[in-house]
Amino acid sequence: MSFRELQTEIARLVHGVDEWTTFRVPKFLAKLGAWGQEKFLPGEPFIRPWMIAHADDHYELDVSRANSLLHWEPRQTLRRSLPLMIEALKADPARFYKENGLGDPPSR
């Protein structure tokens, strides 16, 4: 799944919307905002200033070589697993965060 497909599918599963508006922000401004959140807002922010430099990195995984050499294919795909992951998150956020080493879920 591309990042855009992933973002759209998460928005659909979590929020029940088919359209999700995103905005491009210059890296320097995003880094400044992430730094400001980290310094001035309570709690731990999800986005850290160091992450901004990697925001547009592209990691494409190709398992065709593993398939041709080892006759191996993954049993799970993100496209099929994502609905189950979101369902588990929505059913019990505290448990989901704990089991996945994510700290405490954000308070509403």
PDB file of N, CA and C in Angstrom:
ATOM      1  N   MET A   1       0.849  -1.182   0.000  1.00  0.00           N
ATOM      2  CA  MET A   1       0.000   0.000   0.000  1.00  0.00           C
ATOM      3  C   MET A   1       0.890   1.240   0.000  1.00  0.00           C
ATOM      4  N   SER A   2       0.513   2.202  -0.790  1.00  0.00           N
ATOM      5  CA  SER A   2       1.229   3.471  -0.749  1.00  0.00           C
ATOM      6  C   SER A   2       0.842   4.205   0.532  1.00  0.00           C
ATOM      7  N   PHE A   3       1.607   5.229   0.881  1.00  0.00           N
ATOM      8  CA  PHE A   3       1.288   6.002   2.074  1.00  0.00           C
ATOM      9  C   PHE A   3      -0.097   6.622   1.944  1.00  0.00           C
ATOM     10  N   ARG A   4      -0.413   7.124   0.761  1.00  0.00           N
ATOM     11  CA  ARG A   4      -1.731   7.737   0.553  1.00  0.00           C
ATOM     12  C   ARG A   4      -2.844   6.698   0.720  1.00  0.00           C
ATOM     13  N   GLU A   5      -2.666   5.506   0.169  1.00  0.00           N
ATOM     14  CA  GLU A   5      -3.671   4.444   0.333  1.00  0.00           C
ATOM     15  C   GLU A   5      -3.824   4.065   1.800  1.00  0.00           C
ATOM     16  N   LEU A   6      -2.702   3.963   2.494  1.00  0.00           N
ATOM     17  CA  LEU A   6      -2.721   3.614   3.904  1.00  0.00           C
ATOM     18  C   LEU A   6      -3.451   4.677   4.718  1.00  0.00           C
ATOM     19  N   GLN A   7      -3.126   5.923   4.462  1.00  0.00           N
ATOM     20  CA  GLN A   7      -3.765   7.039   5.170  1.00  0.00           C
ATOM     21  C   GLN A   7      -5.266   7.059   4.909  1.00  0.00           C
ATOM     22  N   THR A   8      -5.660   6.860   3.672  1.00  0.00           N
ATOM     23  CA  THR A   8      -7.079   6.868   3.314  1.00  0.00           C
ATOM     24  C   THR A   8      -7.820   5.709   3.967  1.00  0.00           C
ATOM     25  N   GLU A   9      -7.200   4.530   3.969  1.00  0.00           N
ATOM     26  CA  GLU A   9      -7.849   3.359   4.563  1.00  0.00           C
ATOM     27  C   GLU A   9      -7.961   3.495   6.084  1.00  0.00           C
ATOM     28  N   ILE A  10      -6.944   4.040   6.728  1.00  0.00           N
ATOM     29  CA  ILE A  10      -7.007   4.256   8.177  1.00  0.00           C
ATOM     30  C   ILE A  10      -8.105   5.272   8.493  1.00  0.00           C
ATOM     31  N   ALA A  11      -8.191   6.344   7.718  1.00  0.00           N
ATOM     32  CA  ALA A  11      -9.247   7.344   7.933  1.00  0.00           C
ATOM     33  C   ALA A  11     -10.626   6.711   7.783  1.00  0.00           C
ATOM     34  N   ARG A  12     -10.777   5.840   6.790  1.00  0.00           N
ATOM     35  CA  ARG A  12     -12.067   5.172   6.574  1.00  0.00           C
ATOM     36  C   ARG A  12     -12.398   4.252   7.745  1.00  0.00           C
ATOM     37  N   LEU A  13     -11.431   3.457   8.190  1.00  0.00           N
ATOM     38  CA  LEU A  13     -11.667   2.493   9.253  1.00  0.00           C
ATOM     39  C   LEU A  13     -11.847   3.154  10.620  1.00  0.00           C
ATOM     40  N   VAL A  14     -11.079   4.185  10.898  1.00  0.00           N
ATOM     41  CA  VAL A  14     -11.145   4.827  12.213  1.00  0.00           C
ATOM     42  C   VAL A  14     -12.277   5.841  12.282  1.00  0.00           C
ATOM     43  N   HIS A  15     -12.385   6.670  11.245  1.00  0.00           N
ATOM     44  CA  HIS A  15     -13.320   7.795  11.303  1.00  0.00           C
ATOM     45  C   HIS A  15     -14.555   7.634  10.416  1.00  0.00           C
ATOM     46  N   GLY A  16     -14.575   6.587   9.583  1.00  0.00           N
ATOM     47  CA  GLY A  16     -15.730   6.354   8.728  1.00  0.00           C
ATOM     48  C   GLY A  16     -15.865   7.357   7.588  1.00  0.00           C
ATOM     49  N   VAL A  17     -14.743   7.932   7.157  1.00  0.00           N
ATOM     50  CA  VAL A  17     -14.786   8.902   6.062  1.00  0.00           C
ATOM     51  C   VAL A  17     -14.035   8.359   4.852  1.00  0.00           C
ATOM     52  N   ASP A  18     -14.515   8.720   3.674  1.00  0.00           N
ATOM     53  CA  ASP A  18     -13.852   8.272   2.444  1.00  0.00           C
ATOM     54  C   ASP A  18     -12.826   9.274   1.927  1.00  0.00           C
ATOM     55  N   GLU A  19     -12.963  10.513   2.331  1.00  0.00           N
ATOM     56  CA  GLU A  19     -12.015  11.554   1.912  1.00  0.00           C
ATOM     57  C   GLU A  19     -11.248  12.049   3.122  1.00  0.00           C
ATOM     58  N   TRP A  20      -9.960  12.243   2.981  1.00  0.00           N
ATOM     59  CA  TRP A  20      -9.124  12.725   4.068  1.00  0.00           C
ATOM     60  C   TRP A  20      -8.204  13.792   3.494  1.00  0.00           C
ATOM     61  N   THR A  21      -8.400  15.013   3.924  1.00  0.00           N
ATOM     62  CA  THR A  21      -7.612  16.123   3.403  1.00  0.00           C
ATOM     63  C   THR A  21      -6.256  16.173   4.094  1.00  0.00           C
ATOM     64  N   THR A  22      -5.219  16.283   3.303  1.00  0.00           N
ATOM     65  CA  THR A  22      -3.878  16.453   3.846  1.00  0.00           C
ATOM     66  C   THR A  22      -3.277  17.728   3.273  1.00  0.00           C
ATOM     67  N   PHE A  23      -2.338  18.274   3.995  1.00  0.00           N
ATOM     68  CA  PHE A  23      -1.681  19.507   3.579  1.00  0.00           C
ATOM     69  C   PHE A  23      -0.177  19.282   3.539  1.00  0.00           C
ATOM     70  N   ARG A  24       0.449  19.786   2.496  1.00  0.00           N
ATOM     71  CA  ARG A  24       1.910  19.734   2.424  1.00  0.00           C
ATOM     72  C   ARG A  24       2.454  20.919   3.200  1.00  0.00           C
ATOM     73  N   VAL A  25       3.379  20.646   4.082  1.00  0.00           N
ATOM     74  CA  VAL A  25       3.990  21.679   4.916  1.00  0.00           C
ATOM     75  C   VAL A  25       5.491  21.630   4.664  1.00  0.00           C
ATOM     76  N   PRO A  26       6.130  22.782   4.439  1.00  0.00           N
ATOM     77  CA  PRO A  26       7.590  22.761   4.263  1.00  0.00           C
ATOM     78  C   PRO A  26       8.269  22.107   5.472  1.00  0.00           C
ATOM     79  N   LYS A  27       9.346  21.364   5.206  1.00  0.00           N
ATOM     80  CA  LYS A  27      10.004  20.613   6.272  1.00  0.00           C
ATOM     81  C   LYS A  27      10.426  21.499   7.443  1.00  0.00           C
ATOM     82  N   PHE A  28      10.963  22.673   7.144  1.00  0.00           N
ATOM     83  CA  PHE A  28      11.426  23.532   8.242  1.00  0.00           C
ATOM     84  C   PHE A  28      10.263  23.919   9.153  1.00  0.00           C
ATOM     85  N   LEU A  29       9.090  24.153   8.567  1.00  0.00           N
ATOM     86  CA  LEU A  29       7.918  24.523   9.355  1.00  0.00           C
ATOM     87  C   LEU A  29       7.393  23.323  10.153  1.00  0.00           C
ATOM     88  N   ALA A  30       7.396  22.146   9.536  1.00  0.00           N
ATOM     89  CA  ALA A  30       6.970  20.934  10.225  1.00  0.00           C
ATOM     90  C   ALA A  30       7.905  20.630  11.396  1.00  0.00           C
ATOM     91  N   LYS A  31       9.199  20.801  11.175  1.00  0.00           N
ATOM     92  CA  LYS A  31      10.170  20.544  12.238  1.00  0.00           C
ATOM     93  C   LYS A  31       9.982  21.531  13.385  1.00  0.00           C
ATOM     94  N   LEU A  32       9.732  22.778  13.053  1.00  0.00           N
ATOM     95  CA  LEU A  32       9.483  23.796  14.068  1.00  0.00           C
ATOM     96  C   LEU A  32       8.223  23.451  14.870  1.00  0.00           C
ATOM     97  N   GLY A  33       7.170  23.045  14.175  1.00  0.00           N
ATOM     98  CA  GLY A  33       5.933  22.663  14.853  1.00  0.00           C
ATOM     99  C   GLY A  33       6.123  21.462  15.759  1.00  0.00           C
ATOM    100  N   ALA A  34       6.860  20.448  15.285  1.00  0.00           N
ATOM    101  CA  ALA A  34       7.118  19.256  16.095  1.00  0.00           C
ATOM    102  C   ALA A  34       7.950  19.622  17.324  1.00  0.00           C
ATOM    103  N   TRP A  35       8.922  20.491  17.136  1.00  0.00           N
ATOM    104  CA  TRP A  35       9.744  20.945  18.265  1.00  0.00           C
ATOM    105  C   TRP A  35       8.874  21.688  19.280  1.00  0.00           C
ATOM    106  N   GLY A  36       7.995  22.562  18.798  1.00  0.00           N
ATOM    107  CA  GLY A  36       7.117  23.324  19.675  1.00  0.00           C
ATOM    108  C   GLY A  36       6.189  22.425  20.475  1.00  0.00           C
ATOM    109  N   GLN A  37       5.640  21.407  19.816  1.00  0.00           N
ATOM    110  CA  GLN A  37       4.778  20.452  20.521  1.00  0.00           C
ATOM    111  C   GLN A  37       5.548  19.742  21.619  1.00  0.00           C
ATOM    112  N   GLU A  38       6.758  19.314  21.283  1.00  0.00           N
ATOM    113  CA  GLU A  38       7.583  18.575  22.236  1.00  0.00           C
ATOM    114  C   GLU A  38       7.944  19.442  23.450  1.00  0.00           C
ATOM    115  N   LYS A  39       8.236  20.721  23.190  1.00  0.00           N
ATOM    116  CA  LYS A  39       8.674  21.627  24.262  1.00  0.00           C
ATOM    117  C   LYS A  39       7.541  22.184  25.106  1.00  0.00           C
ATOM    118  N   PHE A  40       6.428  22.517  24.475  1.00  0.00           N
ATOM    119  CA  PHE A  40       5.421  23.333  25.159  1.00  0.00           C
ATOM    120  C   PHE A  40       4.089  22.653  25.472  1.00  0.00           C
ATOM    121  N   LEU A  41       3.807  21.509  24.858  1.00  0.00           N
ATOM    122  CA  LEU A  41       2.529  20.846  25.124  1.00  0.00           C
ATOM    123  C   LEU A  41       2.728  19.669  26.073  1.00  0.00           C
ATOM    124  N   PRO A  42       1.743  19.398  26.918  1.00  0.00           N
ATOM    125  CA  PRO A  42       1.880  18.269  27.839  1.00  0.00           C
ATOM    126  C   PRO A  42       1.820  16.937  27.100  1.00  0.00           C
ATOM    127  N   GLY A  43       2.395  15.926  27.698  1.00  0.00           N
ATOM    128  CA  GLY A  43       2.368  14.588  27.114  1.00  0.00           C
ATOM    129  C   GLY A  43       3.453  14.406  26.067  1.00  0.00           C
ATOM    130  N   GLU A  44       3.521  13.202  25.567  1.00  0.00           N
ATOM    131  CA  GLU A  44       4.510  12.879  24.546  1.00  0.00           C
ATOM    132  C   GLU A  44       3.891  13.002  23.167  1.00  0.00           C
ATOM    133  N   PRO A  45       4.411  13.864  22.305  1.00  0.00           N
ATOM    134  CA  PRO A  45       3.850  13.974  20.961  1.00  0.00           C
ATOM    135  C   PRO A  45       4.221  12.751  20.107  1.00  0.00           C
ATOM    136  N   PHE A  46       3.378  12.452  19.154  1.00  0.00           N
ATOM    137  CA  PHE A  46       3.649  11.315  18.261  1.00  0.00           C
ATOM    138  C   PHE A  46       4.772  11.651  17.286  1.00  0.00           C
ATOM    139  N   ILE A  47       4.734  12.848  16.731  1.00  0.00           N
ATOM    140  CA  ILE A  47       5.749  13.266  15.765  1.00  0.00           C
ATOM    141  C   ILE A  47       6.887  13.947  16.500  1.00  0.00           C
ATOM    142  N   ARG A  48       8.120  13.493  16.255  1.00  0.00           N
ATOM    143  CA  ARG A  48       9.318  14.087  16.847  1.00  0.00           C
ATOM    144  C   ARG A  48      10.054  14.888  15.779  1.00  0.00           C
ATOM    145  N   PRO A  49      10.774  15.915  16.185  1.00  0.00           N
ATOM    146  CA  PRO A  49      11.484  16.740  15.189  1.00  0.00           C
ATOM    147  C   PRO A  49      12.391  15.927  14.257  1.00  0.00           C
ATOM    148  N   TRP A  50      13.082  14.910  14.765  1.00  0.00           N
ATOM    149  CA  TRP A  50      13.991  14.123  13.935  1.00  0.00           C
ATOM    150  C   TRP A  50      13.262  13.336  12.842  1.00  0.00           C
ATOM    151  N   MET A  51      11.977  13.084  13.036  1.00  0.00           N
ATOM    152  CA  MET A  51      11.204  12.304  12.060  1.00  0.00           C
ATOM    153  C   MET A  51      10.957  13.076  10.763  1.00  0.00           C
ATOM    154  N   ILE A  52      10.957  14.387  10.849  1.00  0.00           N
ATOM    155  CA  ILE A  52      10.611  15.227   9.698  1.00  0.00           C
ATOM    156  C   ILE A  52      11.550  14.975   8.525  1.00  0.00           C
ATOM    157  N   ALA A  53      12.836  14.805   8.814  1.00  0.00           N
ATOM    158  CA  ALA A  53      13.818  14.575   7.739  1.00  0.00           C
ATOM    159  C   ALA A  53      13.503  13.304   6.948  1.00  0.00           C
ATOM    160  N   HIS A  54      12.798  12.371   7.560  1.00  0.00           N
ATOM    161  CA  HIS A  54      12.496  11.088   6.917  1.00  0.00           C
ATOM    162  C   HIS A  54      11.062  10.988   6.420  1.00  0.00           C
ATOM    163  N   ALA A  55      10.321  12.066   6.514  1.00  0.00           N
ATOM    164  CA  ALA A  55       8.890  12.025   6.202  1.00  0.00           C
ATOM    165  C   ALA A  55       8.594  11.622   4.762  1.00  0.00           C
ATOM    166  N   ASP A  56       9.475  11.951   3.847  1.00  0.00           N
ATOM    167  CA  ASP A  56       9.197  11.600   2.448  1.00  0.00           C
ATOM    168  C   ASP A  56      10.091  10.474   1.940  1.00  0.00           C
ATOM    169  N   ASP A  57      10.717   9.724   2.863  1.00  0.00           N
ATOM    170  CA  ASP A  57      11.481   8.556   2.447  1.00  0.00           C
ATOM    171  C   ASP A  57      10.524   7.523   1.869  1.00  0.00           C
ATOM    172  N   HIS A  58      11.014   6.740   0.939  1.00  0.00           N
ATOM    173  CA  HIS A  58      10.169   5.755   0.276  1.00  0.00           C
ATOM    174  C   HIS A  58      10.789   4.370   0.479  1.00  0.00           C
ATOM    175  N   TYR A  59      10.062   3.500   1.123  1.00  0.00           N
ATOM    176  CA  TYR A  59      10.533   2.136   1.360  1.00  0.00           C
ATOM    177  C   TYR A  59       9.567   1.167   0.702  1.00  0.00           C
ATOM    178  N   GLU A  60       9.967   0.684  -0.433  1.00  0.00           N
ATOM    179  CA  GLU A  60       9.120  -0.271  -1.148  1.00  0.00           C
ATOM    180  C   GLU A  60       9.672  -1.671  -0.922  1.00  0.00           C
ATOM    181  N   LEU A  61       8.821  -2.549  -0.455  1.00  0.00           N
ATOM    182  CA  LEU A  61       9.239  -3.919  -0.192  1.00  0.00           C
ATOM    183  C   LEU A  61       8.812  -4.818  -1.337  1.00  0.00           C
ATOM    184  N   ASP A  62       9.757  -5.643  -1.754  1.00  0.00           N
ATOM    185  CA  ASP A  62       9.501  -6.554  -2.861  1.00  0.00           C
ATOM    186  C   ASP A  62       9.938  -7.948  -2.423  1.00  0.00           C
ATOM    187  N   VAL A  63       8.993  -8.853  -2.298  1.00  0.00           N
ATOM    188  CA  VAL A  63       9.308 -10.205  -1.837  1.00  0.00           C
ATOM    189  C   VAL A  63       9.448 -11.188  -2.997  1.00  0.00           C
ATOM    190  N   SER A  64       9.523 -10.685  -4.215  1.00  0.00           N
ATOM    191  CA  SER A  64       9.580 -11.592  -5.367  1.00  0.00           C
ATOM    192  C   SER A  64      10.855 -12.440  -5.365  1.00  0.00           C
ATOM    193  N   ARG A  65      11.967 -11.897  -4.877  1.00  0.00           N
ATOM    194  CA  ARG A  65      13.203 -12.681  -4.836  1.00  0.00           C
ATOM    195  C   ARG A  65      13.081 -13.810  -3.805  1.00  0.00           C
ATOM    196  N   ALA A  66      12.505 -13.506  -2.657  1.00  0.00           N
ATOM    197  CA  ALA A  66      12.283 -14.550  -1.650  1.00  0.00           C
ATOM    198  C   ALA A  66      11.364 -15.624  -2.214  1.00  0.00           C
ATOM    199  N   ASN A  67      10.405 -15.193  -3.004  1.00  0.00           N
ATOM    200  CA  ASN A  67       9.490 -16.154  -3.622  1.00  0.00           C
ATOM    201  C   ASN A  67      10.228 -17.028  -4.623  1.00  0.00           C
ATOM    202  N   SER A  68      11.041 -16.416  -5.482  1.00  0.00           N
ATOM    203  CA  SER A  68      11.713 -17.195  -6.524  1.00  0.00           C
ATOM    204  C   SER A  68      12.805 -18.100  -5.955  1.00  0.00           C
ATOM    205  N   LEU A  69      13.531 -17.639  -4.933  1.00  0.00           N
ATOM    206  CA  LEU A  69      14.620 -18.449  -4.380  1.00  0.00           C
ATOM    207  C   LEU A  69      14.143 -19.446  -3.327  1.00  0.00           C
ATOM    208  N   LEU A  70      13.214 -19.029  -2.514  1.00  0.00           N
ATOM    209  CA  LEU A  70      12.807 -19.850  -1.378  1.00  0.00           C
ATOM    210  C   LEU A  70      11.384 -20.382  -1.475  1.00  0.00           C
ATOM    211  N   HIS A  71      10.696 -19.956  -2.531  1.00  0.00           N
ATOM    212  CA  HIS A  71       9.282 -20.310  -2.696  1.00  0.00           C
ATOM    213  C   HIS A  71       8.487 -19.874  -1.471  1.00  0.00           C
ATOM    214  N   TRP A  72       8.782 -18.678  -1.003  1.00  0.00           N
ATOM    215  CA  TRP A  72       8.155 -18.125   0.193  1.00  0.00           C
ATOM    216  C   TRP A  72       7.292 -16.926  -0.163  1.00  0.00           C
ATOM    217  N   GLU A  73       6.149 -16.862   0.445  1.00  0.00           N
ATOM    218  CA  GLU A  73       5.274 -15.698   0.337  1.00  0.00           C
ATOM    219  C   GLU A  73       4.787 -15.363   1.731  1.00  0.00           C
ATOM    220  N   PRO A  74       4.615 -14.078   2.029  1.00  0.00           N
ATOM    221  CA  PRO A  74       4.080 -13.725   3.347  1.00  0.00           C
ATOM    222  C   PRO A  74       2.656 -14.246   3.503  1.00  0.00           C
ATOM    223  N   ARG A  75       2.322 -14.661   4.710  1.00  0.00           N
ATOM    224  CA  ARG A  75       0.975 -15.157   4.973  1.00  0.00           C
ATOM    225  C   ARG A  75       0.001 -14.009   5.213  1.00  0.00           C
ATOM    226  N   GLN A  76       0.503 -12.872   5.617  1.00  0.00           N
ATOM    227  CA  GLN A  76      -0.342 -11.717   5.928  1.00  0.00           C
ATOM    228  C   GLN A  76      -0.003 -10.574   4.976  1.00  0.00           C
ATOM    229  N   THR A  77      -0.987  -9.734   4.712  1.00  0.00           N
ATOM    230  CA  THR A  77      -0.744  -8.494   3.985  1.00  0.00           C
ATOM    231  C   THR A  77      -1.301  -7.359   4.827  1.00  0.00           C
ATOM    232  N   LEU A  78      -0.707  -6.206   4.679  1.00  0.00           N
ATOM    233  CA  LEU A  78      -1.189  -5.049   5.421  1.00  0.00           C
ATOM    234  C   LEU A  78      -2.622  -4.725   5.022  1.00  0.00           C
ATOM    235  N   ARG A  79      -2.912  -4.864   3.751  1.00  0.00           N
ATOM    236  CA  ARG A  79      -4.256  -4.557   3.249  1.00  0.00           C
ATOM    237  C   ARG A  79      -5.321  -5.425   3.940  1.00  0.00           C
ATOM    238  N   ARG A  80      -5.007  -6.690   4.187  1.00  0.00           N
ATOM    239  CA  ARG A  80      -5.956  -7.586   4.867  1.00  0.00           C
ATOM    240  C   ARG A  80      -5.904  -7.450   6.386  1.00  0.00           C
ATOM    241  N   SER A  81      -4.727  -7.143   6.932  1.00  0.00           N
ATOM    242  CA  SER A  81      -4.553  -7.082   8.388  1.00  0.00           C
ATOM    243  C   SER A  81      -5.007  -5.763   8.987  1.00  0.00           C
ATOM    244  N   LEU A  82      -4.953  -4.692   8.221  1.00  0.00           N
ATOM    245  CA  LEU A  82      -5.274  -3.372   8.755  1.00  0.00           C
ATOM    246  C   LEU A  82      -6.666  -3.293   9.379  1.00  0.00           C
ATOM    247  N   PRO A  83      -7.713  -3.809   8.739  1.00  0.00           N
ATOM    248  CA  PRO A  83      -9.034  -3.755   9.379  1.00  0.00           C
ATOM    249  C   PRO A  83      -9.066  -4.457  10.738  1.00  0.00           C
ATOM    250  N   LEU A  84      -8.349  -5.573  10.867  1.00  0.00           N
ATOM    251  CA  LEU A  84      -8.304  -6.293  12.143  1.00  0.00           C
ATOM    252  C   LEU A  84      -7.541  -5.487  13.186  1.00  0.00           C
ATOM    253  N   MET A  85      -6.473  -4.826  12.768  1.00  0.00           N
ATOM    254  CA  MET A  85      -5.689  -4.002  13.686  1.00  0.00           C
ATOM    255  C   MET A  85      -6.522  -2.827  14.199  1.00  0.00           C
ATOM    256  N   ILE A  86      -7.233  -2.167  13.296  1.00  0.00           N
ATOM    257  CA  ILE A  86      -8.051  -1.017  13.688  1.00  0.00           C
ATOM    258  C   ILE A  86      -9.209  -1.478  14.578  1.00  0.00           C
ATOM    259  N   GLU A  87      -9.768  -2.638  14.269  1.00  0.00           N
ATOM    260  CA  GLU A  87     -10.850  -3.187  15.098  1.00  0.00           C
ATOM    261  C   GLU A  87     -10.352  -3.430  16.524  1.00  0.00           C
ATOM    262  N   ALA A  88      -9.143  -3.986  16.664  1.00  0.00           N
ATOM    263  CA  ALA A  88      -8.564  -4.228  17.992  1.00  0.00           C
ATOM    264  C   ALA A  88      -8.283  -2.905  18.705  1.00  0.00           C
ATOM    265  N   LEU A  89      -7.811  -1.928  17.974  1.00  0.00           N
ATOM    266  CA  LEU A  89      -7.555  -0.603  18.555  1.00  0.00           C
ATOM    267  C   LEU A  89      -8.836   0.018  19.081  1.00  0.00           C
ATOM    268  N   LYS A  90      -9.886  -0.030  18.294  1.00  0.00           N
ATOM    269  CA  LYS A  90     -11.148   0.584  18.691  1.00  0.00           C
ATOM    270  C   LYS A  90     -11.823  -0.170  19.841  1.00  0.00           C
ATOM    271  N   ALA A  91     -11.668  -1.491  19.873  1.00  0.00           N
ATOM    272  CA  ALA A  91     -12.312  -2.312  20.910  1.00  0.00           C
ATOM    273  C   ALA A  91     -11.711  -2.057  22.288  1.00  0.00           C
ATOM    274  N   ASP A  92     -10.385  -1.898  22.347  1.00  0.00           N
ATOM    275  CA  ASP A  92      -9.725  -1.716  23.644  1.00  0.00           C
ATOM    276  C   ASP A  92      -8.425  -0.944  23.428  1.00  0.00           C
ATOM    277  N   PRO A  93      -8.503   0.399  23.328  1.00  0.00           N
ATOM    278  CA  PRO A  93      -7.309   1.206  23.040  1.00  0.00           C
ATOM    279  C   PRO A  93      -6.171   0.989  24.040  1.00  0.00           C
ATOM    280  N   ALA A  94      -6.474   0.914  25.336  1.00  0.00           N
ATOM    281  CA  ALA A  94      -5.416   0.750  26.342  1.00  0.00           C
ATOM    282  C   ALA A  94      -4.653  -0.558  26.123  1.00  0.00           C
ATOM    283  N   ARG A  95      -5.397  -1.622  25.869  1.00  0.00           N
ATOM    284  CA  ARG A  95      -4.758  -2.926  25.630  1.00  0.00           C
ATOM    285  C   ARG A  95      -3.934  -2.903  24.341  1.00  0.00           C
ATOM    286  N   PHE A  96      -4.491  -2.308  23.280  1.00  0.00           N
ATOM    287  CA  PHE A  96      -3.793  -2.230  21.996  1.00  0.00           C
ATOM    288  C   PHE A  96      -2.464  -1.490  22.160  1.00  0.00           C
ATOM    289  N   TYR A  97      -2.508  -0.345  22.828  1.00  0.00           N
ATOM    290  CA  TYR A  97      -1.292   0.444  23.034  1.00  0.00           C
ATOM    291  C   TYR A  97      -0.272  -0.344  23.853  1.00  0.00           C
ATOM    292  N   LYS A  98      -0.724  -0.999  24.926  1.00  0.00           N
ATOM    293  CA  LYS A  98       0.176  -1.754  25.779  1.00  0.00           C
ATOM    294  C   LYS A  98       0.810  -2.920  25.026  1.00  0.00           C
ATOM    295  N   GLU A  99      -0.013  -3.713  24.329  1.00  0.00           N
ATOM    296  CA  GLU A  99       0.500  -4.888  23.608  1.00  0.00           C
ATOM    297  C   GLU A  99       1.463  -4.517  22.488  1.00  0.00           C
ATOM    298  N   ASN A 100       1.332  -3.304  21.963  1.00  0.00           N
ATOM    299  CA  ASN A 100       2.179  -2.878  20.849  1.00  0.00           C
ATOM    300  C   ASN A 100       3.276  -1.906  21.271  1.00  0.00           C
ATOM    301  N   GLY A 101       3.490  -1.778  22.580  1.00  0.00           N
ATOM    302  CA  GLY A 101       4.563  -0.943  23.096  1.00  0.00           C
ATOM    303  C   GLY A 101       4.449   0.516  22.718  1.00  0.00           C
ATOM    304  N   LEU A 102       3.229   1.052  22.740  1.00  0.00           N
ATOM    305  CA  LEU A 102       2.994   2.422  22.310  1.00  0.00           C
ATOM    306  C   LEU A 102       2.796   3.397  23.468  1.00  0.00           C
ATOM    307  N   GLY A 103       3.037   2.939  24.686  1.00  0.00           N
ATOM    308  CA  GLY A 103       2.803   3.815  25.830  1.00  0.00           C
ATOM    309  C   GLY A 103       1.325   3.896  26.141  1.00  0.00           C
ATOM    310  N   ASP A 104       0.910   5.038  26.646  1.00  0.00           N
ATOM    311  CA  ASP A 104      -0.494   5.237  26.969  1.00  0.00           C
ATOM    312  C   ASP A 104      -1.233   5.818  25.781  1.00  0.00           C
ATOM    313  N   PRO A 105      -2.496   5.412  25.569  1.00  0.00           N
ATOM    314  CA  PRO A 105      -3.266   6.027  24.479  1.00  0.00           C
ATOM    315  C   PRO A 105      -3.533   7.496  24.793  1.00  0.00           C
ATOM    316  N   PRO A 106      -3.639   8.315  23.769  1.00  0.00           N
ATOM    317  CA  PRO A 106      -3.915   9.732  24.010  1.00  0.00           C
ATOM    318  C   PRO A 106      -5.272   9.917  24.690  1.00  0.00           C
ATOM    319  N   SER A 107      -5.333  10.875  25.584  1.00  0.00           N
ATOM    320  CA  SER A 107      -6.613  11.152  26.237  1.00  0.00           C
ATOM    321  C   SER A 107      -7.454  12.006  25.305  1.00  0.00           C
ATOM    322  N   ARG A 108      -8.754  11.854  25.405  1.00  0.00           N
ATOM    323  CA  ARG A 108      -9.647  12.583  24.500  1.00  0.00           C
ATOM    324  C   ARG A 108     -10.075  13.869  25.099  1.00  0.00           C
TER     325      ARG A 108
END
